[in-house]
């Protein structure tokens, strides 16, 4: 179910990493591109993989969190 987030992505003022699988069949990768475009300090990570790709890139995700 989709619900409003209660804020606009454009209002975010912190660095945000957007992770998306290029082979995702549940959420189109176009959504990640749009979201990263709308967030001022976003970094897009469009990586090979499906919807549940965090286990493939957990080290990169944790490294990104550690550097912020």
PDB file of N, CA and C in Angstrom:
ATOM      1  N   UNK A   1       0.840  -1.174   0.000  1.00  0.00           N
ATOM      2  CA  UNK A   1       0.000   0.000   0.000  1.00  0.00           C
ATOM      3  C   UNK A   1       0.891   1.246   0.000  1.00  0.00           C
ATOM      4  N   UNK A   2       0.602   2.159  -0.875  1.00  0.00           N
ATOM      5  CA  UNK A   2       1.339   3.426  -0.932  1.00  0.00           C
ATOM      6  C   UNK A   2       0.683   4.442  -0.022  1.00  0.00           C
ATOM      7  N   UNK A   3       1.494   5.110   0.752  1.00  0.00           N
ATOM      8  CA  UNK A   3       1.008   6.163   1.639  1.00  0.00           C
ATOM      9  C   UNK A   3       1.924   7.369   1.506  1.00  0.00           C
ATOM     10  N   UNK A   4       1.411   8.557   1.761  1.00  0.00           N
ATOM     11  CA  UNK A   4       2.286   9.741   1.746  1.00  0.00           C
ATOM     12  C   UNK A   4       3.386   9.603   2.792  1.00  0.00           C
ATOM     13  N   UNK A   5       4.563  10.096   2.466  1.00  0.00           N
ATOM     14  CA  UNK A   5       5.691  10.025   3.380  1.00  0.00           C
ATOM     15  C   UNK A   5       5.628  11.075   4.473  1.00  0.00           C
ATOM     16  N   UNK A   6       4.903  12.153   4.257  1.00  0.00           N
ATOM     17  CA  UNK A   6       4.839  13.224   5.240  1.00  0.00           C
ATOM     18  C   UNK A   6       5.913  14.284   5.026  1.00  0.00           C
ATOM     19  N   UNK A   7       6.692  14.158   3.965  1.00  0.00           N
ATOM     20  CA  UNK A   7       7.706  15.138   3.606  1.00  0.00           C
ATOM     21  C   UNK A   7       7.980  14.985   2.112  1.00  0.00           C
ATOM     22  N   UNK A   8       8.566  15.988   1.538  1.00  0.00           N
ATOM     23  CA  UNK A   8       8.954  15.931   0.125  1.00  0.00           C
ATOM     24  C   UNK A   8      10.432  15.569   0.029  1.00  0.00           C
ATOM     25  N   UNK A   9      10.821  14.713  -0.885  1.00  0.00           N
ATOM     26  CA  UNK A   9      12.236  14.382  -1.040  1.00  0.00           C
ATOM     27  C   UNK A   9      13.105  15.625  -1.225  1.00  0.00           C
ATOM     28  N   UNK A  10      12.576  16.636  -1.862  1.00  0.00           N
ATOM     29  CA  UNK A  10      13.321  17.877  -2.091  1.00  0.00           C
ATOM     30  C   UNK A  10      13.676  18.600  -0.794  1.00  0.00           C
ATOM     31  N   UNK A  11      12.969  18.298   0.280  1.00  0.00           N
ATOM     32  CA  UNK A  11      13.204  18.959   1.565  1.00  0.00           C
ATOM     33  C   UNK A  11      14.334  18.327   2.377  1.00  0.00           C
ATOM     34  N   UNK A  12      14.820  17.180   1.979  1.00  0.00           N
ATOM     35  CA  UNK A  12      15.886  16.513   2.727  1.00  0.00           C
ATOM     36  C   UNK A  12      17.178  17.316   2.617  1.00  0.00           C
ATOM     37  N   UNK A  13      17.854  17.490   3.731  1.00  0.00           N
ATOM     38  CA  UNK A  13      19.091  18.278   3.769  1.00  0.00           C
ATOM     39  C   UNK A  13      20.257  17.474   4.315  1.00  0.00           C
ATOM     40  N   UNK A  14      20.167  16.185   4.227  1.00  0.00           N
ATOM     41  CA  UNK A  14      21.250  15.301   4.663  1.00  0.00           C
ATOM     42  C   UNK A  14      21.644  14.420   3.477  1.00  0.00           C
ATOM     43  N   UNK A  15      22.870  13.909   3.474  1.00  0.00           N
ATOM     44  CA  UNK A  15      23.250  12.984   2.394  1.00  0.00           C
ATOM     45  C   UNK A  15      22.381  11.727   2.432  1.00  0.00           C
ATOM     46  N   UNK A  16      21.947  11.288   1.268  1.00  0.00           N
ATOM     47  CA  UNK A  16      21.091  10.108   1.155  1.00  0.00           C
ATOM     48  C   UNK A  16      21.665   9.206   0.070  1.00  0.00           C
ATOM     49  N   UNK A  17      21.794   7.925   0.375  1.00  0.00           N
ATOM     50  CA  UNK A  17      22.181   6.933  -0.624  1.00  0.00           C
ATOM     51  C   UNK A  17      20.924   6.201  -1.073  1.00  0.00           C
ATOM     52  N   UNK A  18      20.663   6.200  -2.353  1.00  0.00           N
ATOM     53  CA  UNK A  18      19.523   5.493  -2.933  1.00  0.00           C
ATOM     54  C   UNK A  18      20.077   4.251  -3.622  1.00  0.00           C
ATOM     55  N   UNK A  19      19.692   3.086  -3.126  1.00  0.00           N
ATOM     56  CA  UNK A  19      20.148   1.813  -3.684  1.00  0.00           C
ATOM     57  C   UNK A  19      19.007   1.169  -4.450  1.00  0.00           C
ATOM     58  N   UNK A  20      19.303   0.681  -5.645  1.00  0.00           N
ATOM     59  CA  UNK A  20      18.280   0.064  -6.485  1.00  0.00           C
ATOM     60  C   UNK A  20      18.918  -1.016  -7.336  1.00  0.00           C
ATOM     61  N   UNK A  21      18.232  -2.126  -7.477  1.00  0.00           N
ATOM     62  CA  UNK A  21      18.689  -3.185  -8.367  1.00  0.00           C
ATOM     63  C   UNK A  21      18.257  -2.902  -9.795  1.00  0.00           C
ATOM     64  N   UNK A  22      19.178  -2.995 -10.714  1.00  0.00           N
ATOM     65  CA  UNK A  22      18.846  -2.722 -12.114  1.00  0.00           C
ATOM     66  C   UNK A  22      17.911  -3.781 -12.700  1.00  0.00           C
ATOM     67  N   UNK A  23      17.824  -4.941 -12.045  1.00  0.00           N
ATOM     68  CA  UNK A  23      16.951  -6.018 -12.510  1.00  0.00           C
ATOM     69  C   UNK A  23      15.697  -6.165 -11.645  1.00  0.00           C
ATOM     70  N   UNK A  24      15.398  -5.156 -10.840  1.00  0.00           N
ATOM     71  CA  UNK A  24      14.240  -5.182  -9.945  1.00  0.00           C
ATOM     72  C   UNK A  24      12.962  -5.299 -10.761  1.00  0.00           C
ATOM     73  N   UNK A  25      12.131  -6.285 -10.415  1.00  0.00           N
ATOM     74  CA  UNK A  25      10.851  -6.479 -11.105  1.00  0.00           C
ATOM     75  C   UNK A  25       9.673  -5.999 -10.270  1.00  0.00           C
ATOM     76  N   UNK A  26       9.939  -5.554  -9.032  1.00  0.00           N
ATOM     77  CA  UNK A  26       8.864  -5.044  -8.179  1.00  0.00           C
ATOM     78  C   UNK A  26       8.773  -3.528  -8.229  1.00  0.00           C
ATOM     79  N   UNK A  27       9.927  -2.865  -8.287  1.00  0.00           N
ATOM     80  CA  UNK A  27       9.977  -1.399  -8.363  1.00  0.00           C
ATOM     81  C   UNK A  27      10.874  -1.039  -9.542  1.00  0.00           C
ATOM     82  N   UNK A  28      10.348  -0.293 -10.464  1.00  0.00           N
ATOM     83  CA  UNK A  28      11.132   0.059 -11.639  1.00  0.00           C
ATOM     84  C   UNK A  28      12.344   0.908 -11.264  1.00  0.00           C
ATOM     85  N   UNK A  29      13.493   0.625 -11.846  1.00  0.00           N
ATOM     86  CA  UNK A  29      14.675   1.446 -11.578  1.00  0.00           C
ATOM     87  C   UNK A  29      14.467   2.928 -11.918  1.00  0.00           C
ATOM     88  N   UNK A  30      13.496   3.235 -12.754  1.00  0.00           N
ATOM     89  CA  UNK A  30      13.192   4.640 -13.048  1.00  0.00           C
ATOM     90  C   UNK A  30      12.806   5.394 -11.781  1.00  0.00           C
ATOM     91  N   UNK A  31      12.191   4.703 -10.829  1.00  0.00           N
ATOM     92  CA  UNK A  31      11.805   5.352  -9.574  1.00  0.00           C
ATOM     93  C   UNK A  31      13.036   5.797  -8.798  1.00  0.00           C
ATOM     94  N   UNK A  32      14.067   4.957  -8.736  1.00  0.00           N
ATOM     95  CA  UNK A  32      15.298   5.334  -8.036  1.00  0.00           C
ATOM     96  C   UNK A  32      15.960   6.531  -8.706  1.00  0.00           C
ATOM     97  N   UNK A  33      15.960   6.556 -10.024  1.00  0.00           N
ATOM     98  CA  UNK A  33      16.519   7.695 -10.756  1.00  0.00           C
ATOM     99  C   UNK A  33      15.772   8.974 -10.412  1.00  0.00           C
ATOM    100  N   UNK A  34      14.449   8.902 -10.406  1.00  0.00           N
ATOM    101  CA  UNK A  34      13.623  10.066 -10.072  1.00  0.00           C
ATOM    102  C   UNK A  34      13.856  10.504  -8.636  1.00  0.00           C
ATOM    103  N   UNK A  35      13.873   9.557  -7.712  1.00  0.00           N
ATOM    104  CA  UNK A  35      14.067   9.877  -6.303  1.00  0.00           C
ATOM    105  C   UNK A  35      15.429  10.523  -6.073  1.00  0.00           C
ATOM    106  N   UNK A  36      16.473   9.944  -6.636  1.00  0.00           N
ATOM    107  CA  UNK A  36      17.816  10.505  -6.475  1.00  0.00           C
ATOM    108  C   UNK A  36      17.905  11.895  -7.096  1.00  0.00           C
ATOM    109  N   UNK A  37      17.191  12.111  -8.168  1.00  0.00           N
ATOM    110  CA  UNK A  37      17.174  13.434  -8.802  1.00  0.00           C
ATOM    111  C   UNK A  37      16.488  14.469  -7.911  1.00  0.00           C
ATOM    112  N   UNK A  38      15.460  14.045  -7.199  1.00  0.00           N
ATOM    113  CA  UNK A  38      14.677  14.963  -6.360  1.00  0.00           C
ATOM    114  C   UNK A  38      15.342  15.288  -5.030  1.00  0.00           C
ATOM    115  N   UNK A  39      16.192  14.411  -4.515  1.00  0.00           N
ATOM    116  CA  UNK A  39      16.859  14.641  -3.236  1.00  0.00           C
ATOM    117  C   UNK A  39      18.147  15.417  -3.501  1.00  0.00           C
ATOM    118  N   UNK A  40      18.304  16.601  -2.921  1.00  0.00           N
ATOM    119  CA  UNK A  40      19.458  17.450  -3.233  1.00  0.00           C
ATOM    120  C   UNK A  40      20.825  16.796  -3.021  1.00  0.00           C
ATOM    121  N   UNK A  41      21.015  16.042  -1.962  1.00  0.00           N
ATOM    122  CA  UNK A  41      22.333  15.463  -1.664  1.00  0.00           C
ATOM    123  C   UNK A  41      22.322  13.947  -1.815  1.00  0.00           C
ATOM    124  N   UNK A  42      21.659  13.455  -2.866  1.00  0.00           N
ATOM    125  CA  UNK A  42      21.535  12.012  -3.052  1.00  0.00           C
ATOM    126  C   UNK A  42      22.664  11.452  -3.903  1.00  0.00           C
ATOM    127  N   UNK A  43      23.030  10.222  -3.577  1.00  0.00           N
ATOM    128  CA  UNK A  43      23.944   9.440  -4.391  1.00  0.00           C
ATOM    129  C   UNK A  43      23.190   8.196  -4.829  1.00  0.00           C
ATOM    130  N   UNK A  44      23.089   7.995  -6.121  1.00  0.00           N
ATOM    131  CA  UNK A  44      22.374   6.846  -6.659  1.00  0.00           C
ATOM    132  C   UNK A  44      23.337   5.686  -6.857  1.00  0.00           C
ATOM    133  N   UNK A  45      22.920   4.524  -6.387  1.00  0.00           N
ATOM    134  CA  UNK A  45      23.664   3.277  -6.584  1.00  0.00           C
ATOM    135  C   UNK A  45      22.734   2.336  -7.348  1.00  0.00           C
ATOM    136  N   UNK A  46      22.806   2.343  -8.649  1.00  0.00           N
ATOM    137  CA  UNK A  46      22.019   1.443  -9.489  1.00  0.00           C
ATOM    138  C   UNK A  46      22.920   0.259  -9.819  1.00  0.00           C
ATOM    139  N   UNK A  47      22.669  -0.850  -9.154  1.00  0.00           N
ATOM    140  CA  UNK A  47      23.577  -1.999  -9.201  1.00  0.00           C
ATOM    141  C   UNK A  47      22.883  -3.223  -9.786  1.00  0.00           C
ATOM    142  N   UNK A  48      23.648  -4.141 -10.372  1.00  0.00           N
ATOM    143  CA  UNK A  48      23.056  -5.390 -10.840  1.00  0.00           C
ATOM    144  C   UNK A  48      22.407  -6.132  -9.670  1.00  0.00           C
ATOM    145  N   UNK A  49      21.219  -6.607  -9.890  1.00  0.00           N
ATOM    146  CA  UNK A  49      20.504  -7.345  -8.856  1.00  0.00           C
ATOM    147  C   UNK A  49      19.028  -7.037  -8.901  1.00  0.00           C
ATOM    148  N   UNK A  50      18.281  -7.772  -8.105  1.00  0.00           N
ATOM    149  CA  UNK A  50      16.839  -7.606  -8.055  1.00  0.00           C
ATOM    150  C   UNK A  50      16.398  -6.717  -6.905  1.00  0.00           C
ATOM    151  N   UNK A  51      15.171  -6.942  -6.467  1.00  0.00           N
ATOM    152  CA  UNK A  51      14.571  -6.087  -5.442  1.00  0.00           C
ATOM    153  C   UNK A  51      15.304  -6.201  -4.103  1.00  0.00           C
ATOM    154  N   UNK A  52      15.704  -7.396  -3.742  1.00  0.00           N
ATOM    155  CA  UNK A  52      16.375  -7.617  -2.461  1.00  0.00           C
ATOM    156  C   UNK A  52      17.875  -7.736  -2.704  1.00  0.00           C
ATOM    157  N   UNK A  53      18.532  -6.614  -2.970  1.00  0.00           N
ATOM    158  CA  UNK A  53      19.937  -6.646  -3.321  1.00  0.00           C
ATOM    159  C   UNK A  53      20.859  -6.282  -2.176  1.00  0.00           C
ATOM    160  N   UNK A  54      20.350  -5.921  -1.018  1.00  0.00           N
ATOM    161  CA  UNK A  54      21.196  -5.466   0.086  1.00  0.00           C
ATOM    162  C   UNK A  54      22.219  -6.519   0.482  1.00  0.00           C
ATOM    163  N   UNK A  55      21.852  -7.791   0.428  1.00  0.00           N
ATOM    164  CA  UNK A  55      22.810  -8.838   0.815  1.00  0.00           C
ATOM    165  C   UNK A  55      23.977  -8.935  -0.167  1.00  0.00           C
ATOM    166  N   UNK A  56      23.800  -8.434  -1.380  1.00  0.00           N
ATOM    167  CA  UNK A  56      24.879  -8.454  -2.368  1.00  0.00           C
ATOM    168  C   UNK A  56      25.867  -7.307  -2.164  1.00  0.00           C
ATOM    169  N   UNK A  57      25.397  -6.221  -1.535  1.00  0.00           N
ATOM    170  CA  UNK A  57      26.195  -4.994  -1.420  1.00  0.00           C
ATOM    171  C   UNK A  57      26.299  -4.497   0.023  1.00  0.00           C
ATOM    172  N   UNK A  58      26.121  -5.394   0.980  1.00  0.00           N
ATOM    173  CA  UNK A  58      26.090  -4.948   2.374  1.00  0.00           C
ATOM    174  C   UNK A  58      27.368  -4.235   2.790  1.00  0.00           C
ATOM    175  N   UNK A  59      28.507  -4.672   2.300  1.00  0.00           N
ATOM    176  CA  UNK A  59      29.757  -3.988   2.673  1.00  0.00           C
ATOM    177  C   UNK A  59      29.787  -2.565   2.141  1.00  0.00           C
ATOM    178  N   UNK A  60      29.374  -2.378   0.884  1.00  0.00           N
ATOM    179  CA  UNK A  60      29.340  -1.038   0.303  1.00  0.00           C
ATOM    180  C   UNK A  60      28.323  -0.158   1.026  1.00  0.00           C
ATOM    181  N   UNK A  61      27.184  -0.745   1.388  1.00  0.00           N
ATOM    182  CA  UNK A  61      26.151   0.012   2.115  1.00  0.00           C
ATOM    183  C   UNK A  61      26.675   0.447   3.476  1.00  0.00           C
ATOM    184  N   UNK A  62      27.294  -0.480   4.216  1.00  0.00           N
ATOM    185  CA  UNK A  62      27.848  -0.116   5.528  1.00  0.00           C
ATOM    186  C   UNK A  62      28.981   0.884   5.414  1.00  0.00           C
ATOM    187  N   UNK A  63      29.804   0.727   4.393  1.00  0.00           N
ATOM    188  CA  UNK A  63      30.883   1.705   4.176  1.00  0.00           C
ATOM    189  C   UNK A  63      30.316   3.097   3.918  1.00  0.00           C
ATOM    190  N   UNK A  64      29.264   3.174   3.134  1.00  0.00           N
ATOM    191  CA  UNK A  64      28.630   4.472   2.859  1.00  0.00           C
ATOM    192  C   UNK A  64      28.057   5.072   4.136  1.00  0.00           C
ATOM    193  N   UNK A  65      27.477   4.241   4.985  1.00  0.00           N
ATOM    194  CA  UNK A  65      26.925   4.732   6.256  1.00  0.00           C
ATOM    195  C   UNK A  65      28.036   5.205   7.191  1.00  0.00           C
ATOM    196  N   UNK A  66      29.136   4.511   7.188  1.00  0.00           N
ATOM    197  CA  UNK A  66      30.240   4.841   8.078  1.00  0.00           C
ATOM    198  C   UNK A  66      30.894   6.181   7.695  1.00  0.00           C
ATOM    199  N   UNK A  67      30.880   6.511   6.411  1.00  0.00           N
ATOM    200  CA  UNK A  67      31.539   7.734   5.940  1.00  0.00           C
ATOM    201  C   UNK A  67      30.694   8.981   6.125  1.00  0.00           C
ATOM    202  N   UNK A  68      29.438   8.848   6.494  1.00  0.00           N
ATOM    203  CA  UNK A  68      28.581  10.036   6.639  1.00  0.00           C
ATOM    204  C   UNK A  68      28.589  10.563   8.041  1.00  0.00           C
TER     205      UNK A  68
END
